[in-house]
Amino acid sequence: MNLFSLIMALLLAALLLTLLIWGYLRLYTQRINRRLRDAQAGRTHLPEPRYMLKLAMALLLIMALVLTSAALPSLQRLRNAADIERDARKMGSVSEDWLAEVAVHEDIAGVLLFAPDLSDAKFAVYLNRGKWGNYYCFSHGGSSASVRNGLHSFSYQDGEILFSMNKLGIARIVCDDGISYDVVPGQPFALALSTDRFSFYDAAGCEIDPHQVPLFEQTDKDK
């Protein structure tokens, strides 16, 4: 159950409870009218409707708590790479034979889904909204020319995600803190970094300037 399903379930429960209250009050009114026509009505004591309204509100609150407690485990399911990849495949509605590259940072995560023949690709970005642990939620995604043919970077707080189908032939990524990452030239990659300053090199060791690449795009989710 996701957040939308939870809200719809609560609305449905509220609607059903409202109908029950309306039905009860209608029957209650009819019963009162019958008793008023009876000479003995003055000796008859019926429960006042306000007590039933309080009972109905209490039942509605209990139902809301039950539904919320049942939905919370699934709402917080995106805690690791496997969870995020599963959600991205569902969100992207891709074929089961599509491959995936998953990158996870403590602030941001990303999934690059691509066809086996590298003819098409989709990406998904997740932000960690958890205050006391990992709770990644979908931010945005889809198809992008910069991902398919160039390079796209997404930053959020202290994390950075790089997506590329690697048609640029990148072989190594070197960060300003000295940490380097090797990737296979011509093979798609999704990479999680802790810096937004890095350099790209091809297999021959020549630097690739991403700003000279027509399809280089940067997105800052802090803005």
N, C-alpha and C. Protein backbone atom coordinates (compact mmCIF):
# COMPACT_ATOMS: atom_id res chain seq x y z
N MET A 1 0.85 -1.20 0.00
CA MET A 1 0.00 0.00 0.00
C MET A 1 0.88 1.24 0.00
N ASN A 2 0.67 2.18 -0.95
CA ASN A 2 1.41 3.42 -0.98
C ASN A 2 0.58 4.53 -0.34
N LEU A 3 1.13 5.75 -0.36
CA LEU A 3 0.46 6.85 0.30
C LEU A 3 -0.89 7.15 -0.33
N PHE A 4 -0.97 7.10 -1.66
CA PHE A 4 -2.23 7.36 -2.34
C PHE A 4 -3.29 6.33 -1.94
N SER A 5 -2.89 5.06 -1.89
CA SER A 5 -3.82 4.00 -1.50
C SER A 5 -4.29 4.18 -0.07
N LEU A 6 -3.39 4.63 0.81
CA LEU A 6 -3.76 4.87 2.21
C LEU A 6 -4.81 5.97 2.30
N ILE A 7 -4.59 7.07 1.57
CA ILE A 7 -5.55 8.18 1.61
C ILE A 7 -6.91 7.74 1.08
N MET A 8 -6.90 6.99 -0.03
CA MET A 8 -8.16 6.52 -0.60
C MET A 8 -8.88 5.59 0.35
N ALA A 9 -8.13 4.73 1.05
CA ALA A 9 -8.75 3.82 2.01
C ALA A 9 -9.38 4.58 3.17
N LEU A 10 -8.70 5.63 3.64
CA LEU A 10 -9.26 6.43 4.72
C LEU A 10 -10.52 7.18 4.27
N LEU A 11 -10.50 7.71 3.06
CA LEU A 11 -11.67 8.40 2.54
C LEU A 11 -12.85 7.44 2.39
N LEU A 12 -12.56 6.23 1.91
CA LEU A 12 -13.62 5.24 1.77
C LEU A 12 -14.20 4.85 3.13
N ALA A 13 -13.30 4.68 4.11
CA ALA A 13 -13.77 4.34 5.46
C ALA A 13 -14.63 5.47 6.03
N ALA A 14 -14.21 6.71 5.81
CA ALA A 14 -14.99 7.84 6.29
C ALA A 14 -16.36 7.90 5.61
N LEU A 15 -16.39 7.61 4.31
CA LEU A 15 -17.66 7.61 3.58
C LEU A 15 -18.61 6.54 4.10
N LEU A 16 -18.07 5.34 4.30
CA LEU A 16 -18.91 4.25 4.81
C LEU A 16 -19.43 4.55 6.20
N LEU A 17 -18.57 5.13 7.04
CA LEU A 17 -18.99 5.45 8.40
C LEU A 17 -20.06 6.54 8.39
N THR A 18 -19.91 7.52 7.49
CA THR A 18 -20.91 8.58 7.36
C THR A 18 -22.26 8.00 6.95
N LEU A 19 -22.23 7.06 6.01
CA LEU A 19 -23.48 6.42 5.58
C LEU A 19 -24.12 5.65 6.73
N LEU A 20 -23.29 4.98 7.53
CA LEU A 20 -23.83 4.25 8.68
C LEU A 20 -24.48 5.20 9.68
N ILE A 21 -23.81 6.33 9.95
CA ILE A 21 -24.37 7.30 10.88
C ILE A 21 -25.68 7.86 10.34
N TRP A 22 -25.69 8.20 9.06
CA TRP A 22 -26.91 8.74 8.45
C TRP A 22 -28.05 7.72 8.52
N GLY A 23 -27.73 6.46 8.26
CA GLY A 23 -28.75 5.42 8.33
C GLY A 23 -29.29 5.24 9.74
N TYR A 24 -28.38 5.29 10.71
CA TYR A 24 -28.81 5.13 12.10
C TYR A 24 -29.72 6.29 12.52
N LEU A 25 -29.29 7.52 12.21
CA LEU A 25 -30.10 8.67 12.59
C LEU A 25 -31.45 8.67 11.90
N ARG A 26 -31.51 8.18 10.68
CA ARG A 26 -32.79 8.11 9.97
C ARG A 26 -33.72 7.11 10.66
N LEU A 27 -33.18 5.95 11.02
CA LEU A 27 -33.98 4.95 11.74
C LEU A 27 -34.37 5.46 13.12
N TYR A 28 -33.43 6.16 13.76
CA TYR A 28 -33.71 6.71 15.08
C TYR A 28 -34.87 7.70 15.02
N THR A 29 -34.86 8.56 14.01
CA THR A 29 -35.93 9.55 13.84
C THR A 29 -37.28 8.87 13.59
N GLN A 30 -37.26 7.85 12.75
CA GLN A 30 -38.51 7.13 12.47
C GLN A 30 -39.05 6.48 13.73
N ARG A 31 -38.15 5.94 14.55
CA ARG A 31 -38.59 5.30 15.78
C ARG A 31 -39.18 6.32 16.75
N ILE A 32 -38.53 7.49 16.86
CA ILE A 32 -39.05 8.55 17.71
C ILE A 32 -40.45 8.98 17.26
N ASN A 33 -40.60 9.13 15.95
CA ASN A 33 -41.90 9.55 15.43
C ASN A 33 -42.99 8.52 15.76
N ARG A 34 -42.64 7.25 15.68
CA ARG A 34 -43.62 6.23 16.03
C ARG A 34 -43.97 6.29 17.50
N ARG A 35 -42.95 6.48 18.36
CA ARG A 35 -43.21 6.53 19.79
C ARG A 35 -44.02 7.77 20.18
N LEU A 36 -43.78 8.89 19.47
CA LEU A 36 -44.54 10.09 19.78
C LEU A 36 -46.02 9.93 19.48
N ARG A 37 -46.32 9.03 18.57
CA ARG A 37 -47.72 8.78 18.26
C ARG A 37 -48.36 7.82 19.27
N ASP A 38 -47.51 7.30 20.12
CA ASP A 38 -47.99 6.38 21.14
C ASP A 38 -48.21 7.14 22.45
N ALA A 39 -49.24 6.85 23.10
CA ALA A 39 -49.55 7.55 24.35
C ALA A 39 -48.50 7.31 25.43
N GLN A 40 -47.76 6.17 25.30
CA GLN A 40 -46.77 5.83 26.30
C GLN A 40 -45.39 6.38 25.97
N ALA A 41 -45.26 7.21 24.98
CA ALA A 41 -43.93 7.67 24.53
C ALA A 41 -43.19 8.41 25.63
N GLY A 42 -43.96 9.08 26.52
CA GLY A 42 -43.30 9.87 27.55
C GLY A 42 -42.52 9.03 28.54
N ARG A 43 -42.85 7.74 28.63
CA ARG A 43 -42.15 6.88 29.59
C ARG A 43 -41.02 6.10 28.93
N THR A 44 -40.77 6.42 27.68
CA THR A 44 -39.72 5.70 26.94
C THR A 44 -38.46 6.56 26.85
N HIS A 45 -37.35 6.01 27.26
CA HIS A 45 -36.08 6.74 27.19
C HIS A 45 -35.18 6.10 26.13
N LEU A 46 -34.82 6.89 25.17
CA LEU A 46 -33.93 6.41 24.10
C LEU A 46 -32.58 7.11 24.21
N PRO A 47 -31.51 6.43 23.84
CA PRO A 47 -30.18 7.07 23.89
C PRO A 47 -30.14 8.28 22.96
N GLU A 48 -29.49 9.34 23.42
CA GLU A 48 -29.41 10.54 22.61
C GLU A 48 -28.43 10.35 21.45
N PRO A 49 -28.73 10.94 20.29
CA PRO A 49 -27.89 10.74 19.12
C PRO A 49 -26.45 11.17 19.31
N ARG A 50 -26.19 12.16 20.20
CA ARG A 50 -24.83 12.66 20.32
C ARG A 50 -23.87 11.58 20.82
N TYR A 51 -24.39 10.64 21.60
CA TYR A 51 -23.53 9.56 22.05
C TYR A 51 -23.13 8.66 20.88
N MET A 52 -24.04 8.46 19.95
CA MET A 52 -23.72 7.67 18.77
C MET A 52 -22.72 8.38 17.88
N LEU A 53 -22.80 9.71 17.81
CA LEU A 53 -21.83 10.46 17.02
C LEU A 53 -20.44 10.34 17.62
N LYS A 54 -20.37 10.42 18.95
CA LYS A 54 -19.07 10.25 19.61
C LYS A 54 -18.51 8.86 19.36
N LEU A 55 -19.39 7.85 19.40
CA LEU A 55 -18.96 6.48 19.14
C LEU A 55 -18.47 6.34 17.71
N ALA A 56 -19.18 6.97 16.77
CA ALA A 56 -18.78 6.89 15.37
C ALA A 56 -17.42 7.55 15.15
N MET A 57 -17.18 8.70 15.80
CA MET A 57 -15.90 9.37 15.67
C MET A 57 -14.77 8.53 16.26
N ALA A 58 -15.04 7.87 17.37
CA ALA A 58 -14.04 6.99 17.97
C ALA A 58 -13.72 5.82 17.04
N LEU A 59 -14.77 5.25 16.43
CA LEU A 59 -14.54 4.14 15.49
C LEU A 59 -13.73 4.60 14.28
N LEU A 60 -14.02 5.80 13.79
CA LEU A 60 -13.27 6.34 12.65
C LEU A 60 -11.80 6.53 13.00
N LEU A 61 -11.53 7.03 14.20
CA LEU A 61 -10.16 7.22 14.65
C LEU A 61 -9.43 5.89 14.75
N ILE A 62 -10.11 4.88 15.29
CA ILE A 62 -9.50 3.55 15.41
C ILE A 62 -9.19 2.98 14.03
N MET A 63 -10.12 3.13 13.09
CA MET A 63 -9.89 2.64 11.74
C MET A 63 -8.71 3.35 11.09
N ALA A 64 -8.59 4.67 11.30
CA ALA A 64 -7.47 5.43 10.73
C ALA A 64 -6.14 4.95 11.30
N LEU A 65 -6.10 4.70 12.62
CA LEU A 65 -4.87 4.22 13.24
C LEU A 65 -4.48 2.84 12.73
N VAL A 66 -5.48 1.97 12.57
CA VAL A 66 -5.21 0.62 12.07
C VAL A 66 -4.67 0.66 10.65
N LEU A 67 -5.31 1.44 9.78
CA LEU A 67 -4.86 1.55 8.39
C LEU A 67 -3.48 2.17 8.30
N THR A 68 -3.22 3.19 9.12
CA THR A 68 -1.92 3.84 9.09
C THR A 68 -0.82 2.90 9.55
N SER A 69 -1.05 2.18 10.64
CA SER A 69 -0.05 1.24 11.14
C SER A 69 0.20 0.11 10.16
N ALA A 70 -0.83 -0.27 9.41
CA ALA A 70 -0.67 -1.34 8.42
C ALA A 70 0.10 -0.85 7.21
N ALA A 71 -0.03 0.44 6.90
CA ALA A 71 0.61 0.96 5.69
C ALA A 71 2.02 1.45 5.92
N LEU A 72 2.37 1.82 7.15
CA LEU A 72 3.69 2.39 7.40
C LEU A 72 4.85 1.48 6.99
N PRO A 73 4.81 0.16 7.25
CA PRO A 73 5.93 -0.68 6.82
C PRO A 73 6.18 -0.60 5.33
N SER A 74 5.12 -0.57 4.52
CA SER A 74 5.31 -0.52 3.07
C SER A 74 5.71 0.87 2.61
N LEU A 75 5.24 1.93 3.34
CA LEU A 75 5.63 3.28 2.95
C LEU A 75 7.12 3.49 3.17
N GLN A 76 7.72 2.77 4.11
CA GLN A 76 9.13 2.93 4.42
C GLN A 76 9.97 1.77 3.88
N ARG A 77 9.50 1.17 2.79
CA ARG A 77 10.18 -0.02 2.31
C ARG A 77 11.46 0.28 1.55
N LEU A 78 11.62 1.52 1.05
CA LEU A 78 12.76 1.82 0.19
C LEU A 78 13.97 2.17 1.06
N ARG A 79 14.66 1.14 1.50
CA ARG A 79 15.77 1.34 2.43
C ARG A 79 17.11 0.88 1.87
N ASN A 80 17.12 0.13 0.78
CA ASN A 80 18.38 -0.35 0.24
C ASN A 80 18.30 -0.43 -1.28
N ALA A 81 19.40 -0.87 -1.90
CA ALA A 81 19.49 -0.88 -3.36
C ALA A 81 18.44 -1.79 -3.99
N ALA A 82 18.19 -2.94 -3.38
CA ALA A 82 17.21 -3.88 -3.94
C ALA A 82 15.81 -3.28 -3.93
N ASP A 83 15.46 -2.63 -2.81
CA ASP A 83 14.13 -1.99 -2.72
C ASP A 83 13.98 -0.90 -3.76
N ILE A 84 15.02 -0.08 -3.91
CA ILE A 84 14.97 1.04 -4.84
C ILE A 84 14.88 0.54 -6.28
N GLU A 85 15.66 -0.48 -6.63
CA GLU A 85 15.59 -1.02 -7.99
C GLU A 85 14.20 -1.59 -8.28
N ARG A 86 13.64 -2.32 -7.33
CA ARG A 86 12.31 -2.90 -7.53
C ARG A 86 11.27 -1.80 -7.76
N ASP A 87 11.37 -0.73 -6.98
CA ASP A 87 10.41 0.36 -7.14
C ASP A 87 10.60 1.08 -8.48
N ALA A 88 11.86 1.25 -8.89
CA ALA A 88 12.14 1.93 -10.16
C ALA A 88 11.62 1.12 -11.35
N ARG A 89 11.76 -0.19 -11.29
CA ARG A 89 11.23 -1.04 -12.37
C ARG A 89 9.71 -0.92 -12.44
N LYS A 90 9.08 -0.86 -11.28
CA LYS A 90 7.62 -0.73 -11.26
C LYS A 90 7.19 0.64 -11.77
N MET A 91 7.89 1.68 -11.34
CA MET A 91 7.54 3.04 -11.76
C MET A 91 7.79 3.22 -13.26
N GLY A 92 8.88 2.63 -13.77
CA GLY A 92 9.23 2.81 -15.17
C GLY A 92 8.51 1.90 -16.13
N SER A 93 7.85 0.87 -15.60
CA SER A 93 7.11 -0.11 -16.42
C SER A 93 8.00 -0.65 -17.56
N VAL A 94 9.18 -1.09 -17.19
CA VAL A 94 10.12 -1.59 -18.19
C VAL A 94 10.01 -3.11 -18.29
N SER A 95 10.55 -3.64 -19.36
CA SER A 95 10.55 -5.08 -19.58
C SER A 95 11.44 -5.77 -18.54
N GLU A 96 11.10 -7.01 -18.24
CA GLU A 96 11.84 -7.74 -17.21
C GLU A 96 13.29 -8.02 -17.62
N ASP A 97 13.56 -8.01 -18.92
CA ASP A 97 14.92 -8.32 -19.35
C ASP A 97 15.83 -7.08 -19.35
N TRP A 98 15.28 -5.93 -19.00
CA TRP A 98 16.12 -4.74 -18.91
C TRP A 98 17.10 -4.89 -17.75
N LEU A 99 18.29 -4.35 -17.95
CA LEU A 99 19.32 -4.40 -16.93
C LEU A 99 19.27 -3.14 -16.08
N ALA A 100 19.97 -3.18 -14.96
CA ALA A 100 19.91 -2.04 -14.04
C ALA A 100 21.28 -1.77 -13.43
N GLU A 101 21.57 -0.48 -13.28
CA GLU A 101 22.71 0.00 -12.50
C GLU A 101 22.13 0.85 -11.38
N VAL A 102 22.47 0.49 -10.14
CA VAL A 102 21.92 1.17 -8.98
C VAL A 102 23.06 1.82 -8.19
N ALA A 103 22.86 3.08 -7.84
CA ALA A 103 23.84 3.80 -7.03
C ALA A 103 23.14 4.38 -5.81
N VAL A 104 23.72 4.17 -4.63
CA VAL A 104 23.07 4.60 -3.39
C VAL A 104 24.05 5.42 -2.56
N HIS A 105 23.63 6.62 -2.21
CA HIS A 105 24.35 7.49 -1.29
C HIS A 105 23.44 7.72 -0.09
N GLU A 106 23.98 8.16 1.03
CA GLU A 106 23.14 8.35 2.21
C GLU A 106 22.11 9.46 2.02
N ASP A 107 22.31 10.34 1.03
CA ASP A 107 21.37 11.42 0.77
C ASP A 107 20.53 11.22 -0.48
N ILE A 108 21.07 10.51 -1.44
CA ILE A 108 20.42 10.39 -2.74
C ILE A 108 20.73 9.02 -3.34
N ALA A 109 19.83 8.52 -4.15
CA ALA A 109 20.05 7.24 -4.82
C ALA A 109 19.51 7.34 -6.25
N GLY A 110 20.04 6.51 -7.13
CA GLY A 110 19.59 6.55 -8.51
C GLY A 110 19.63 5.18 -9.14
N VAL A 111 18.76 4.98 -10.12
CA VAL A 111 18.69 3.73 -10.86
C VAL A 111 18.70 4.05 -12.35
N LEU A 112 19.58 3.38 -13.06
CA LEU A 112 19.62 3.48 -14.52
C LEU A 112 19.16 2.15 -15.09
N LEU A 113 18.03 2.16 -15.77
CA LEU A 113 17.47 0.96 -16.41
C LEU A 113 17.71 1.07 -17.91
N PHE A 114 18.16 -0.02 -18.51
CA PHE A 114 18.47 0.05 -19.94
C PHE A 114 18.23 -1.29 -20.61
N ALA A 115 17.89 -1.22 -21.91
CA ALA A 115 17.63 -2.42 -22.70
C ALA A 115 18.93 -3.20 -22.90
N PRO A 116 18.85 -4.51 -23.05
CA PRO A 116 20.06 -5.32 -23.23
C PRO A 116 20.90 -4.90 -24.43
N ASP A 117 20.24 -4.39 -25.50
CA ASP A 117 21.00 -3.95 -26.66
C ASP A 117 21.41 -2.48 -26.57
N LEU A 118 21.18 -1.86 -25.41
CA LEU A 118 21.55 -0.47 -25.14
C LEU A 118 20.82 0.54 -26.04
N SER A 119 19.68 0.13 -26.59
CA SER A 119 18.94 1.00 -27.51
C SER A 119 18.07 2.02 -26.78
N ASP A 120 17.79 1.79 -25.52
CA ASP A 120 16.92 2.70 -24.79
C ASP A 120 17.28 2.64 -23.31
N ALA A 121 16.91 3.71 -22.59
CA ALA A 121 17.24 3.77 -21.17
C ALA A 121 16.26 4.69 -20.45
N LYS A 122 16.07 4.41 -19.17
CA LYS A 122 15.29 5.26 -18.29
C LYS A 122 16.04 5.39 -16.97
N PHE A 123 15.80 6.50 -16.29
CA PHE A 123 16.46 6.71 -15.00
C PHE A 123 15.42 7.08 -13.95
N ALA A 124 15.80 6.92 -12.69
CA ALA A 124 14.95 7.30 -11.57
C ALA A 124 15.84 7.82 -10.45
N VAL A 125 15.43 8.92 -9.84
CA VAL A 125 16.18 9.54 -8.75
C VAL A 125 15.35 9.46 -7.48
N TYR A 126 16.00 9.06 -6.38
CA TYR A 126 15.34 8.95 -5.08
C TYR A 126 16.11 9.79 -4.05
N LEU A 127 15.37 10.49 -3.22
CA LEU A 127 15.97 11.30 -2.17
C LEU A 127 15.68 10.67 -0.82
N ASN A 128 16.67 10.73 0.05
CA ASN A 128 16.51 10.17 1.39
C ASN A 128 15.85 11.21 2.28
N ARG A 129 14.57 10.96 2.62
CA ARG A 129 13.82 11.88 3.46
C ARG A 129 13.77 11.43 4.92
N GLY A 130 14.44 10.33 5.23
CA GLY A 130 14.38 9.81 6.59
C GLY A 130 15.18 10.68 7.55
N LYS A 131 14.57 11.00 8.69
CA LYS A 131 15.26 11.80 9.70
C LYS A 131 16.08 10.94 10.64
N TRP A 132 15.67 9.68 10.82
CA TRP A 132 16.37 8.79 11.74
C TRP A 132 16.80 7.50 11.04
N GLY A 133 17.05 7.57 9.76
CA GLY A 133 17.46 6.38 9.03
C GLY A 133 17.15 6.53 7.55
N ASN A 134 17.35 5.46 6.81
CA ASN A 134 17.12 5.50 5.37
C ASN A 134 15.63 5.39 5.06
N TYR A 135 15.15 6.36 4.34
CA TYR A 135 13.78 6.34 3.84
C TYR A 135 13.79 7.08 2.51
N TYR A 136 14.12 6.35 1.45
CA TYR A 136 14.22 6.95 0.12
C TYR A 136 12.84 7.04 -0.52
N CYS A 137 12.56 8.18 -1.10
CA CYS A 137 11.30 8.35 -1.81
C CYS A 137 11.58 8.85 -3.22
N PHE A 138 10.75 8.45 -4.14
CA PHE A 138 10.92 8.80 -5.55
C PHE A 138 10.83 10.32 -5.73
N SER A 139 11.77 10.87 -6.48
CA SER A 139 11.77 12.30 -6.77
C SER A 139 11.30 12.57 -8.20
N HIS A 140 12.01 12.01 -9.15
CA HIS A 140 11.61 12.15 -10.55
C HIS A 140 12.41 11.16 -11.38
N GLY A 141 12.04 11.06 -12.65
CA GLY A 141 12.74 10.13 -13.54
C GLY A 141 12.08 10.10 -14.90
N GLY A 142 12.51 9.15 -15.72
CA GLY A 142 11.97 9.02 -17.07
C GLY A 142 13.08 8.85 -18.08
N SER A 143 12.85 9.35 -19.28
CA SER A 143 13.85 9.28 -20.35
C SER A 143 14.53 10.63 -20.49
N SER A 144 15.79 10.60 -20.88
CA SER A 144 16.56 11.83 -21.02
C SER A 144 17.62 11.65 -22.11
N ALA A 145 17.69 12.61 -23.01
CA ALA A 145 18.70 12.55 -24.07
C ALA A 145 20.10 12.64 -23.50
N SER A 146 20.26 13.41 -22.40
CA SER A 146 21.58 13.53 -21.80
C SER A 146 22.03 12.21 -21.18
N VAL A 147 21.10 11.44 -20.64
CA VAL A 147 21.44 10.13 -20.08
C VAL A 147 21.76 9.14 -21.20
N ARG A 148 20.96 9.16 -22.26
CA ARG A 148 21.15 8.20 -23.35
C ARG A 148 22.42 8.48 -24.15
N ASN A 149 22.70 9.75 -24.38
CA ASN A 149 23.79 10.09 -25.31
C ASN A 149 24.92 10.88 -24.68
N GLY A 150 24.75 11.34 -23.47
CA GLY A 150 25.79 12.14 -22.84
C GLY A 150 25.99 11.78 -21.38
N LEU A 151 25.77 12.76 -20.51
CA LEU A 151 26.01 12.56 -19.08
C LEU A 151 25.06 13.47 -18.31
N HIS A 152 24.47 12.93 -17.23
CA HIS A 152 23.57 13.72 -16.40
C HIS A 152 23.95 13.50 -14.94
N SER A 153 24.11 14.59 -14.21
CA SER A 153 24.43 14.50 -12.79
C SER A 153 23.31 15.13 -11.97
N PHE A 154 22.99 14.49 -10.85
CA PHE A 154 21.97 14.97 -9.92
C PHE A 154 22.62 15.13 -8.55
N SER A 155 22.41 16.27 -7.94
CA SER A 155 22.97 16.50 -6.60
C SER A 155 21.87 16.82 -5.61
N TYR A 156 22.06 16.37 -4.39
CA TYR A 156 21.12 16.64 -3.30
C TYR A 156 21.89 16.58 -2.00
N GLN A 157 21.89 17.69 -1.28
CA GLN A 157 22.65 17.82 -0.04
C GLN A 157 24.11 17.47 -0.31
N ASP A 158 24.64 16.41 0.31
CA ASP A 158 26.05 16.08 0.12
C ASP A 158 26.28 14.95 -0.88
N GLY A 159 25.24 14.54 -1.57
CA GLY A 159 25.37 13.42 -2.49
C GLY A 159 25.25 13.83 -3.94
N GLU A 160 25.85 13.03 -4.80
CA GLU A 160 25.82 13.26 -6.25
C GLU A 160 25.63 11.91 -6.95
N ILE A 161 24.74 11.89 -7.92
CA ILE A 161 24.51 10.69 -8.72
C ILE A 161 24.84 11.02 -10.18
N LEU A 162 25.64 10.16 -10.80
CA LEU A 162 25.97 10.30 -12.22
C LEU A 162 25.27 9.20 -13.01
N PHE A 163 24.61 9.59 -14.10
CA PHE A 163 23.97 8.65 -15.01
C PHE A 163 24.58 8.82 -16.40
N SER A 164 24.86 7.72 -17.05
CA SER A 164 25.31 7.80 -18.44
C SER A 164 25.24 6.43 -19.10
N MET A 165 24.81 6.42 -20.36
CA MET A 165 24.93 5.20 -21.15
C MET A 165 26.35 5.04 -21.67
N ASN A 166 27.18 6.02 -21.35
CA ASN A 166 28.62 6.01 -21.58
C ASN A 166 29.00 5.90 -23.06
N LYS A 167 28.27 6.61 -23.89
CA LYS A 167 28.68 6.71 -25.29
C LYS A 167 29.89 7.63 -25.46
N LEU A 168 30.26 8.31 -24.37
CA LEU A 168 31.43 9.18 -24.39
C LEU A 168 32.73 8.39 -24.22
N GLY A 169 32.62 7.12 -23.84
CA GLY A 169 33.82 6.30 -23.66
C GLY A 169 34.56 6.58 -22.38
N ILE A 170 33.85 6.97 -21.34
CA ILE A 170 34.50 7.24 -20.05
C ILE A 170 35.04 5.95 -19.45
N ALA A 171 36.28 5.99 -18.97
CA ALA A 171 36.91 4.82 -18.37
C ALA A 171 37.22 5.02 -16.89
N ARG A 172 37.43 6.29 -16.50
CA ARG A 172 37.76 6.56 -15.09
C ARG A 172 37.18 7.92 -14.69
N ILE A 173 36.71 7.95 -13.43
CA ILE A 173 36.19 9.18 -12.85
C ILE A 173 37.02 9.46 -11.60
N VAL A 174 37.64 10.62 -11.55
CA VAL A 174 38.51 10.99 -10.42
C VAL A 174 37.89 12.17 -9.70
N CYS A 175 37.65 11.99 -8.39
CA CYS A 175 37.07 13.06 -7.57
C CYS A 175 38.16 13.96 -7.00
N ASP A 176 37.76 15.14 -6.55
CA ASP A 176 38.74 16.10 -6.04
C ASP A 176 39.37 15.65 -4.74
N ASP A 177 38.75 14.66 -4.05
CA ASP A 177 39.34 14.15 -2.82
C ASP A 177 40.32 13.01 -3.08
N GLY A 178 40.58 12.73 -4.37
CA GLY A 178 41.55 11.71 -4.73
C GLY A 178 40.97 10.33 -4.98
N ILE A 179 39.71 10.13 -4.62
CA ILE A 179 39.07 8.83 -4.86
C ILE A 179 38.73 8.71 -6.34
N SER A 180 39.01 7.56 -6.93
CA SER A 180 38.73 7.34 -8.35
C SER A 180 37.85 6.10 -8.53
N TYR A 181 37.11 6.10 -9.61
CA TYR A 181 36.20 5.00 -9.93
C TYR A 181 36.44 4.57 -11.37
N ASP A 182 36.63 3.29 -11.58
CA ASP A 182 36.81 2.76 -12.92
C ASP A 182 35.48 2.26 -13.46
N VAL A 183 35.18 2.61 -14.70
CA VAL A 183 33.99 2.13 -15.38
C VAL A 183 34.42 1.56 -16.73
N VAL A 184 33.56 0.76 -17.32
CA VAL A 184 33.88 0.12 -18.60
C VAL A 184 33.47 1.05 -19.73
N PRO A 185 34.39 1.46 -20.58
CA PRO A 185 34.03 2.33 -21.70
C PRO A 185 32.94 1.71 -22.57
N GLY A 186 31.94 2.50 -22.88
CA GLY A 186 30.85 2.02 -23.71
C GLY A 186 29.77 1.28 -22.96
N GLN A 187 29.95 1.10 -21.64
CA GLN A 187 28.95 0.41 -20.83
C GLN A 187 28.26 1.40 -19.90
N PRO A 188 26.93 1.28 -19.75
CA PRO A 188 26.18 2.22 -18.90
C PRO A 188 26.65 2.15 -17.45
N PHE A 189 26.51 3.28 -16.76
CA PHE A 189 26.83 3.29 -15.34
C PHE A 189 25.98 4.31 -14.59
N ALA A 190 25.76 4.00 -13.32
CA ALA A 190 25.18 4.93 -12.35
C ALA A 190 26.14 4.93 -11.17
N LEU A 191 26.56 6.09 -10.76
CA LEU A 191 27.61 6.19 -9.75
C LEU A 191 27.21 7.20 -8.68
N ALA A 192 27.40 6.81 -7.42
CA ALA A 192 27.10 7.69 -6.29
C ALA A 192 28.40 8.26 -5.75
N LEU A 193 28.44 9.59 -5.61
CA LEU A 193 29.63 10.28 -5.14
C LEU A 193 29.28 11.17 -3.96
N SER A 194 30.32 11.57 -3.22
CA SER A 194 30.13 12.49 -2.09
C SER A 194 30.68 13.87 -2.40
N THR A 195 30.86 14.16 -3.66
CA THR A 195 31.37 15.46 -4.09
C THR A 195 30.79 15.79 -5.45
N ASP A 196 30.73 17.08 -5.75
CA ASP A 196 30.27 17.51 -7.07
C ASP A 196 31.42 18.00 -7.94
N ARG A 197 32.64 17.66 -7.52
CA ARG A 197 33.83 18.03 -8.28
C ARG A 197 34.56 16.77 -8.70
N PHE A 198 34.63 16.54 -10.00
CA PHE A 198 35.24 15.32 -10.50
C PHE A 198 35.70 15.54 -11.93
N SER A 199 36.56 14.64 -12.39
CA SER A 199 37.10 14.69 -13.75
C SER A 199 36.88 13.35 -14.42
N PHE A 200 36.78 13.38 -15.75
CA PHE A 200 36.54 12.16 -16.54
C PHE A 200 37.71 11.90 -17.47
N TYR A 201 38.04 10.61 -17.62
CA TYR A 201 39.15 10.22 -18.49
C TYR A 201 38.73 9.03 -19.35
N ASP A 202 39.27 8.99 -20.55
CA ASP A 202 39.00 7.85 -21.42
C ASP A 202 40.04 6.77 -21.18
N ALA A 203 39.98 5.69 -21.96
CA ALA A 203 40.87 4.54 -21.74
C ALA A 203 42.33 4.90 -21.97
N ALA A 204 42.59 5.92 -22.79
CA ALA A 204 43.96 6.34 -23.06
C ALA A 204 44.49 7.32 -22.03
N GLY A 205 43.64 7.67 -21.06
CA GLY A 205 44.07 8.60 -20.03
C GLY A 205 43.85 10.05 -20.38
N CYS A 206 43.23 10.32 -21.51
CA CYS A 206 42.95 11.70 -21.91
C CYS A 206 41.69 12.21 -21.20
N GLU A 207 41.76 13.44 -20.72
CA GLU A 207 40.62 13.98 -19.97
C GLU A 207 39.48 14.34 -20.92
N ILE A 208 38.28 14.03 -20.46
CA ILE A 208 37.06 14.37 -21.18
C ILE A 208 36.40 15.52 -20.44
N ASP A 209 36.27 16.65 -21.10
CA ASP A 209 35.63 17.81 -20.47
C ASP A 209 34.12 17.71 -20.67
N PRO A 210 33.37 17.44 -19.59
CA PRO A 210 31.92 17.26 -19.76
C PRO A 210 31.23 18.53 -20.26
N HIS A 211 31.81 19.69 -19.94
CA HIS A 211 31.19 20.94 -20.36
C HIS A 211 31.34 21.18 -21.87
N GLN A 212 32.20 20.41 -22.49
CA GLN A 212 32.33 20.48 -23.94
C GLN A 212 31.42 19.47 -24.64
N VAL A 213 30.74 18.67 -23.84
CA VAL A 213 29.82 17.67 -24.39
C VAL A 213 28.45 18.33 -24.55
N PRO A 214 27.86 18.30 -25.75
CA PRO A 214 26.57 18.97 -25.96
C PRO A 214 25.47 18.47 -25.03
N LEU A 215 25.50 17.19 -24.68
CA LEU A 215 24.43 16.61 -23.87
C LEU A 215 24.93 16.32 -22.46
N PHE A 216 25.44 17.37 -21.81
CA PHE A 216 25.83 17.28 -20.40
C PHE A 216 24.85 18.12 -19.61
N GLU A 217 24.22 17.52 -18.59
CA GLU A 217 23.19 18.22 -17.83
C GLU A 217 23.42 18.00 -16.35
N GLN A 218 23.22 19.08 -15.56
CA GLN A 218 23.36 19.02 -14.12
C GLN A 218 22.06 19.47 -13.46
N THR A 219 21.63 18.74 -12.44
CA THR A 219 20.41 19.08 -11.72
C THR A 219 20.73 19.12 -10.24
N ASP A 220 20.43 20.25 -9.60
CA ASP A 220 20.64 20.40 -8.17
C ASP A 220 19.29 20.36 -7.48
N LYS A 221 19.01 19.28 -6.73
CA LYS A 221 17.71 19.13 -6.06
C LYS A 221 17.60 19.98 -4.80
N ASP A 222 18.67 20.65 -4.38
CA ASP A 222 18.58 21.54 -3.24
C ASP A 222 17.93 22.86 -3.61
N LYS A 223 17.83 23.12 -4.88
CA LYS A 223 17.30 24.40 -5.34
C LYS A 223 15.84 24.24 -5.73
